[in-house]
C-alpha atoms as a PDB file:
ATOM      1  CA  MET A   1      -4.788  10.405 -30.950  1.00  0.00           C
ATOM      2  CA  ASP A   2      -1.888  13.481 -31.358  1.00  0.00           C
ATOM      3  CA  ALA A   3      -4.855  15.689 -31.359  1.00  0.00           C
ATOM      4  CA  ILE A   4      -5.942  14.258 -27.876  1.00  0.00           C
ATOM      5  CA  ILE A   5      -2.511  13.932 -26.551  1.00  0.00           C
ATOM      6  CA  GLU A   6      -1.993  17.662 -27.721  1.00  0.00           C
ATOM      7  CA  LYS A   7      -4.980  18.916 -25.806  1.00  0.00           C
ATOM      8  CA  LEU A   8      -4.300  17.476 -22.454  1.00  0.00           C
ATOM      9  CA  LYS A   9      -0.862  19.938 -22.609  1.00  0.00           C
ATOM     10  CA  SER A  10      -3.202  22.553 -22.446  1.00  0.00           C
ATOM     11  CA  ILE A  11      -5.041  21.479 -19.274  1.00  0.00           C
ATOM     12  CA  GLU A  12      -3.092  22.800 -16.055  1.00  0.00           C
ATOM     13  CA  HIS A  13      -5.171  21.327 -13.331  1.00  0.00           C
ATOM     14  CA  GLY A  14      -7.008  18.217 -12.106  1.00  0.00           C
ATOM     15  CA  PHE A  15      -6.798  14.877 -13.028  1.00  0.00           C
ATOM     16  CA  LYS A  16     -10.368  14.355 -14.451  1.00  0.00           C
ATOM     17  CA  HIS A  17      -9.388  15.102 -18.012  1.00  0.00           C
ATOM     18  CA  ILE A  18      -6.144  12.552 -17.733  1.00  0.00           C
ATOM     19  CA  ILE A  19      -8.482   9.825 -16.549  1.00  0.00           C
ATOM     20  CA  GLU A  20     -11.087  10.331 -19.418  1.00  0.00           C
ATOM     21  CA  THR A  21      -8.396  10.623 -22.237  1.00  0.00           C
ATOM     22  CA  GLY A  22      -6.744   7.289 -20.397  1.00  0.00           C
ATOM     23  CA  ASN A  23     -10.148   5.430 -20.520  1.00  0.00           C
ATOM     24  CA  LEU A  24     -10.862   6.437 -24.012  1.00  0.00           C
ATOM     25  CA  ILE A  25      -6.835   5.321 -25.348  1.00  0.00           C
ATOM     26  CA  LEU A  26      -7.912   2.126 -23.230  1.00  0.00           C
ATOM     27  CA  LYS A  27     -10.976   1.248 -24.957  1.00  0.00           C
ATOM     28  CA  ASP A  28      -8.971   1.358 -28.416  1.00  0.00           C
ATOM     29  CA  ILE A  29      -8.033  -2.295 -29.092  1.00  0.00           C
ATOM     30  CA  SER A  30      -5.485  -1.144 -31.911  1.00  0.00           C
ATOM     31  CA  ILE A  31      -2.819  -0.161 -29.678  1.00  0.00           C
ATOM     32  CA  ASP A  32      -0.559  -1.790 -27.664  1.00  0.00           C
ATOM     33  CA  HIS A  33      -1.467  -0.262 -24.321  1.00  0.00           C
ATOM     34  CA  LEU A  34       1.725  -1.061 -22.467  1.00  0.00           C
ATOM     35  CA  GLU A  35       4.264   0.347 -25.205  1.00  0.00           C
ATOM     36  CA  PHE A  36       1.808   3.230 -25.843  1.00  0.00           C
ATOM     37  CA  ALA A  37       1.833   4.262 -21.825  1.00  0.00           C
ATOM     38  CA  THR A  38       5.760   3.420 -21.644  1.00  0.00           C
ATOM     39  CA  LYS A  39       6.650   5.912 -24.492  1.00  0.00           C
ATOM     40  CA  LEU A  40       4.466   8.587 -22.982  1.00  0.00           C
ATOM     41  CA  LEU A  41       6.823   8.811 -20.096  1.00  0.00           C
ATOM     42  CA  ASP A  42       9.395  10.741 -22.046  1.00  0.00           C
ATOM     43  CA  ASP A  43       7.065  13.741 -22.983  1.00  0.00           C
ATOM     44  CA  ASP A  44       8.153  16.619 -21.865  1.00  0.00           C
ATOM     45  CA  ALA A  45       4.899  17.691 -20.754  1.00  0.00           C
ATOM     46  CA  TYR A  46       4.065  17.108 -17.289  1.00  0.00           C
ATOM     47  CA  GLN A  47       0.318  16.055 -18.382  1.00  0.00           C
ATOM     48  CA  ILE A  48       1.193  13.562 -20.533  1.00  0.00           C
ATOM     49  CA  ARG A  49       3.519  11.786 -17.973  1.00  0.00           C
ATOM     50  CA  MET A  50       0.520  11.645 -15.729  1.00  0.00           C
ATOM     51  CA  LEU A  51      -1.394  10.028 -18.272  1.00  0.00           C
ATOM     52  CA  ALA A  52       1.606   7.721 -18.373  1.00  0.00           C
ATOM     53  CA  ALA A  53       1.118   6.987 -15.065  1.00  0.00           C
ATOM     54  CA  TYR A  54      -2.591   6.727 -15.207  1.00  0.00           C
ATOM     55  CA  LEU A  55      -2.362   4.200 -18.279  1.00  0.00           C
ATOM     56  CA  LEU A  56       0.322   1.691 -16.522  1.00  0.00           C
ATOM     57  CA  GLY A  57      -1.753   2.240 -12.953  1.00  0.00           C
ATOM     58  CA  GLN A  58      -5.064   0.271 -15.086  1.00  0.00           C
ATOM     59  CA  LEU A  59      -2.433  -2.198 -16.515  1.00  0.00           C
ATOM     60  CA  SER A  60      -0.432  -2.774 -13.784  1.00  0.00           C
ATOM     61  CA  VAL A  61      -3.126  -5.929 -12.346  1.00  0.00           C
ATOM     62  CA  GLU A  62      -2.954  -7.572 -15.853  1.00  0.00           C
ATOM     63  CA  TYR A  63       1.177  -6.412 -16.543  1.00  0.00           C
ATOM     64  CA  ALA A  64       3.741  -7.282 -14.160  1.00  0.00           C
ATOM     65  CA  GLU A  65       5.980  -5.030 -15.995  1.00  0.00           C
ATOM     66  CA  ALA A  66       3.664  -1.751 -15.888  1.00  0.00           C
ATOM     67  CA  LEU A  67       4.035  -1.885 -11.820  1.00  0.00           C
ATOM     68  CA  GLU A  68       7.703  -2.359 -12.440  1.00  0.00           C
ATOM     69  CA  ILE A  69       7.823   0.707 -14.415  1.00  0.00           C
ATOM     70  CA  LEU A  70       5.410   2.831 -12.465  1.00  0.00           C
ATOM     71  CA  GLU A  71       8.008   1.682  -9.150  1.00  0.00           C
ATOM     72  CA  THR A  72      11.427   2.481 -11.039  1.00  0.00           C
ATOM     73  CA  LYS A  73      10.957   5.067 -13.814  1.00  0.00           C
ATOM     74  CA  VAL A  74       7.452   6.964 -12.805  1.00  0.00           C
ATOM     75  CA  ALA A  75       8.874   7.394  -9.176  1.00  0.00           C
ATOM     76  CA  THR A  76      12.261   9.216 -10.264  1.00  0.00           C
ATOM     77  CA  ASP A  77       9.782  11.802 -12.131  1.00  0.00           C
ATOM     78  CA  ALA A  78      10.363  15.347 -10.460  1.00  0.00           C
ATOM     79  CA  ASN A  79       6.843  16.501 -11.226  1.00  0.00           C
ATOM     80  CA  TRP A  80       4.725  16.333  -7.944  1.00  0.00           C
ATOM     81  CA  ARG A  81       1.489  15.710 -10.141  1.00  0.00           C
ATOM     82  CA  VAL A  82       3.180  12.679 -11.735  1.00  0.00           C
ATOM     83  CA  GLN A  83       3.384  11.411  -7.892  1.00  0.00           C
ATOM     84  CA  GLU A  84       0.068  12.236  -7.660  1.00  0.00           C
ATOM     85  CA  MET A  85      -0.899  10.133 -10.253  1.00  0.00           C
ATOM     86  CA  LEU A  86       1.611   7.543  -8.979  1.00  0.00           C
ATOM     87  CA  ALA A  87      -0.171   7.193  -5.594  1.00  0.00           C
ATOM     88  CA  LYS A  88      -3.800   7.007  -7.377  1.00  0.00           C
ATOM     89  CA  ALA A  89      -1.916   4.222 -10.071  1.00  0.00           C
ATOM     90  CA  PHE A  90      -0.581   2.223  -6.957  1.00  0.00           C
ATOM     91  CA  ASP A  91      -3.816   2.405  -4.752  1.00  0.00           C
ATOM     92  CA  TYR A  92      -5.762   1.277  -7.658  1.00  0.00           C
ATOM     93  CA  TYR A  93      -3.325  -2.084  -8.287  1.00  0.00           C
ATOM     94  CA  CYS A  94      -4.040  -2.614  -4.252  1.00  0.00           C
ATOM     95  CA  GLN A  95      -7.564  -2.370  -4.859  1.00  0.00           C
ATOM     96  CA  SER A  96      -8.116  -4.493  -7.734  1.00  0.00           C
ATOM     97  CA  ASN A  97      -5.769  -7.263  -6.551  1.00  0.00           C
ATOM     98  CA  GLY A  98      -7.223  -7.121  -3.039  1.00  0.00           C
ATOM     99  CA  TYR A  99      -5.692  -5.150  -0.176  1.00  0.00           C
ATOM    100  CA  GLU A 100      -4.756  -7.861   1.830  1.00  0.00           C
ATOM    101  CA  LYS A 101      -3.493  -9.831  -1.323  1.00  0.00           C
ATOM    102  CA  SER A 102      -1.426  -7.023  -2.301  1.00  0.00           C
ATOM    103  CA  LEU A 103       0.548  -6.811   1.449  1.00  0.00           C
ATOM    104  CA  PRO A 104       3.616  -8.311  -0.230  1.00  0.00           C
ATOM    105  CA  THR A 105       3.790  -5.814  -2.984  1.00  0.00           C
ATOM    106  CA  ILE A 106       2.794  -2.485   0.086  1.00  0.00           C
ATOM    107  CA  GLU A 107       5.493  -3.957   1.805  1.00  0.00           C
ATOM    108  CA  LYS A 108       7.985  -4.013  -0.968  1.00  0.00           C
ATOM    109  CA  TRP A 109       7.209  -0.787  -2.030  1.00  0.00           C
ATOM    110  CA  ILE A 110       7.078   1.069   1.453  1.00  0.00           C
ATOM    111  CA  ASN A 111      10.436  -0.514   2.158  1.00  0.00           C
ATOM    112  CA  ASP A 112      11.841   0.787  -1.299  1.00  0.00           C
ATOM    113  CA  ASN A 113      14.950   3.260  -1.109  1.00  0.00           C
ATOM    114  CA  ASN A 114      13.114   6.174  -3.128  1.00  0.00           C
ATOM    115  CA  PRO A 115      10.401   8.337  -0.966  1.00  0.00           C
ATOM    116  CA  ASN A 116       8.496   8.232  -3.623  1.00  0.00           C
ATOM    117  CA  VAL A 117       7.910   4.840  -3.937  1.00  0.00           C
ATOM    118  CA  LYS A 118       7.249   5.128  -0.095  1.00  0.00           C
ATOM    119  CA  ARG A 119       4.722   7.686  -0.622  1.00  0.00           C
ATOM    120  CA  ALA A 120       3.323   6.482  -3.368  1.00  0.00           C
ATOM    121  CA  VAL A 121       1.957   3.557  -0.642  1.00  0.00           C
ATOM    122  CA  ILE A 122       1.579   6.169   2.008  1.00  0.00           C
ATOM    123  CA  GLU A 123      -0.479   8.660   0.196  1.00  0.00           C
ATOM    124  CA  GLY A 124      -2.096   6.348  -2.240  1.00  0.00           C
ATOM    125  CA  LEU A 125      -3.767   4.319   0.411  1.00  0.00           C
ATOM    126  CA  ARG A 126      -5.383   7.270   1.997  1.00  0.00           C
ATOM    127  CA  ILE A 127      -7.402   6.960   3.822  1.00  0.00           C
ATOM    128  CA  TRP A 128      -6.120   3.583   4.862  1.00  0.00           C
ATOM    129  CA  THR A 129      -8.727   2.556   7.375  1.00  0.00           C
ATOM    130  CA  ASN A 130     -11.287   2.970   4.853  1.00  0.00           C
ATOM    131  CA  ARG A 131      -9.925   0.360   2.746  1.00  0.00           C
ATOM    132  CA  PRO A 132     -10.737  -3.233   3.137  1.00  0.00           C
ATOM    133  CA  TYR A 133      -8.420  -5.039   5.554  1.00  0.00           C
ATOM    134  CA  PHE A 134      -7.074  -1.801   6.998  1.00  0.00           C
ATOM    135  CA  LYS A 135     -10.563  -1.233   8.363  1.00  0.00           C
ATOM    136  CA  GLU A 136     -10.461  -4.546  10.247  1.00  0.00           C
ATOM    137  CA  ASN A 137      -6.491  -4.163  10.998  1.00  0.00           C
ATOM    138  CA  PRO A 138      -5.878  -0.088  11.725  1.00  0.00           C
ATOM    139  CA  GLU A 139      -2.688  -1.170  13.862  1.00  0.00           C
ATOM    140  CA  ASN A 140      -1.375  -2.623  10.850  1.00  0.00           C
ATOM    141  CA  ALA A 141      -1.628   0.116   8.784  1.00  0.00           C
ATOM    142  CA  ILE A 142      -0.549   2.748  11.330  1.00  0.00           C
ATOM    143  CA  LYS A 143       2.681   0.296  12.054  1.00  0.00           C
ATOM    144  CA  LEU A 144       3.375   0.079   8.416  1.00  0.00           C
ATOM    145  CA  ILE A 145       3.124   4.360   7.972  1.00  0.00           C
ATOM    146  CA  ALA A 146       5.127   5.212  11.096  1.00  0.00           C
ATOM    147  CA  LYS A 147       7.834   3.189  10.593  1.00  0.00           C
ATOM    148  CA  PHE A 148       9.496   6.097   8.084  1.00  0.00           C
ATOM    149  CA  ARG A 149       8.733   8.901  10.436  1.00  0.00           C
ATOM    150  CA  SER A 150      12.221   9.846  10.653  1.00  0.00           C
ATOM    151  CA  ASP A 151      12.770   9.819   6.805  1.00  0.00           C
ATOM    152  CA  ASP A 152      14.741  12.984   5.386  1.00  0.00           C
ATOM    153  CA  ASN A 153      12.168  13.303   2.851  1.00  0.00           C
ATOM    154  CA  GLU A 154       9.734  16.197   4.248  1.00  0.00           C
ATOM    155  CA  TYR A 155       7.302  15.492   1.073  1.00  0.00           C
ATOM    156  CA  LEU A 156       7.134  11.852   2.659  1.00  0.00           C
ATOM    157  CA  ARG A 157       6.652  12.736   6.153  1.00  0.00           C
ATOM    158  CA  LYS A 158       4.263  15.203   5.253  1.00  0.00           C
ATOM    159  CA  SER A 159       2.386  12.625   3.781  1.00  0.00           C
ATOM    160  CA  ILE A 160       2.848  10.671   6.591  1.00  0.00           C
ATOM    161  CA  GLY A 161       1.301  12.942   9.420  1.00  0.00           C
ATOM    162  CA  ASN A 162      -1.701  13.407   6.943  1.00  0.00           C
ATOM    163  CA  SER A 163      -2.255   9.404   6.841  1.00  0.00           C
ATOM    164  CA  LEU A 164      -2.149   8.944  10.715  1.00  0.00           C
ATOM    165  CA  ARG A 165      -4.150  12.446  11.513  1.00  0.00           C
ATOM    166  CA  ASP A 166      -7.355  10.724   9.145  1.00  0.00           C
ATOM    167  CA  ILE A 167      -6.727   7.390  10.884  1.00  0.00           C
ATOM    168  CA  GLY A 168      -6.569   9.254  14.184  1.00  0.00           C
ATOM    169  CA  LYS A 169     -10.348  10.503  13.868  1.00  0.00           C
ATOM    170  CA  LYS A 170     -11.982   6.843  13.890  1.00  0.00           C
ATOM    171  CA  HIS A 171      -8.208   5.300  16.101  1.00  0.00           C
ATOM    172  CA  THR A 172      -7.420   7.911  18.585  1.00  0.00           C
ATOM    173  CA  LYS A 173      -6.129   5.901  21.132  1.00  0.00           C
ATOM    174  CA  LEU A 174      -4.282   3.550  18.666  1.00  0.00           C
ATOM    175  CA  VAL A 175      -2.696   6.841  16.953  1.00  0.00           C
ATOM    176  CA  ASP A 176      -1.841   8.579  20.392  1.00  0.00           C
ATOM    177  CA  GLN A 177      -0.469   5.357  21.604  1.00  0.00           C
ATOM    178  CA  GLU A 178       1.911   4.911  18.460  1.00  0.00           C
ATOM    179  CA  VAL A 179       3.020   8.640  18.594  1.00  0.00           C
ATOM    180  CA  SER A 180       3.908   8.290  22.731  1.00  0.00           C
ATOM    181  CA  THR A 181       6.538   5.917  22.062  1.00  0.00           C
ATOM    182  CA  TRP A 182       8.289   8.434  19.126  1.00  0.00           C
ATOM    183  CA  ASP A 183      11.626  10.430  20.313  1.00  0.00           C
ATOM    184  CA  SER A 184       9.967  14.339  20.599  1.00  0.00           C
ATOM    185  CA  ARG A 185      13.177  15.727  20.333  1.00  0.00           C
ATOM    186  CA  ASP A 186      13.752  14.781  16.454  1.00  0.00           C
ATOM    187  CA  LYS A 187      12.487  17.634  14.366  1.00  0.00           C
ATOM    188  CA  LYS A 188      11.675  15.221  11.702  1.00  0.00           C
ATOM    189  CA  ILE A 189       9.020  13.838  13.987  1.00  0.00           C
ATOM    190  CA  VAL A 190       8.355  17.177  15.795  1.00  0.00           C
ATOM    191  CA  PHE A 191       6.792  18.154  12.028  1.00  0.00           C
ATOM    192  CA  ILE A 192       4.680  15.144  11.620  1.00  0.00           C
ATOM    193  CA  ARG A 193       3.177  15.514  15.327  1.00  0.00           C
ATOM    194  CA  LYS A 194       1.940  18.657  14.332  1.00  0.00           C
ATOM    195  CA  LEU A 195       0.548  17.315  11.168  1.00  0.00           C
ATOM    196  CA  ILE A 196      -1.185  15.018  13.011  1.00  0.00           C
ATOM    197  CA  TYR A 197      -2.426  17.012  15.993  1.00  0.00           C
ATOM    198  CA  LYS A 198      -3.179  20.033  14.011  1.00  0.00           C
END
């Protein structure tokens, strides 16, 4: 196991190798996966913390504690790659649990004070209107995403703009209606508008 972990540290780009390693670990029933993943979060290498986030995402449907660790600890990681894996982990949770059934968790995370937690929802569920429930209720997706258009965090606002642009390809009228209500004098909103209509 140590050799596998060390090998991961030498690969700098992509997610595939992390996922493959994670799936190998999950097949090993001699490991306490939750404890193992939690320990990996303290590693100096971002690749190993990405692996931890992946494992916790896979475990989150069965273990509420895994979802909580994603929300409270993984979301504080300063590395953007770890945050990308957090978004994937959150989507896995929603997909496995069912998007409609996951609405209370989506609402909880999207209203969190940490912009990384909000972003995990907004980025993780892209393309929102390709997901069950939101496919039939695009206006709900738009409302959830647009709520944070004036957030101070640019990383989050970029995700908002990109997500609304995605939705706008199929639901132009709905996105236009939402954007028409925004304060166009707000620089933060101008930033998002440019992303939506680029």
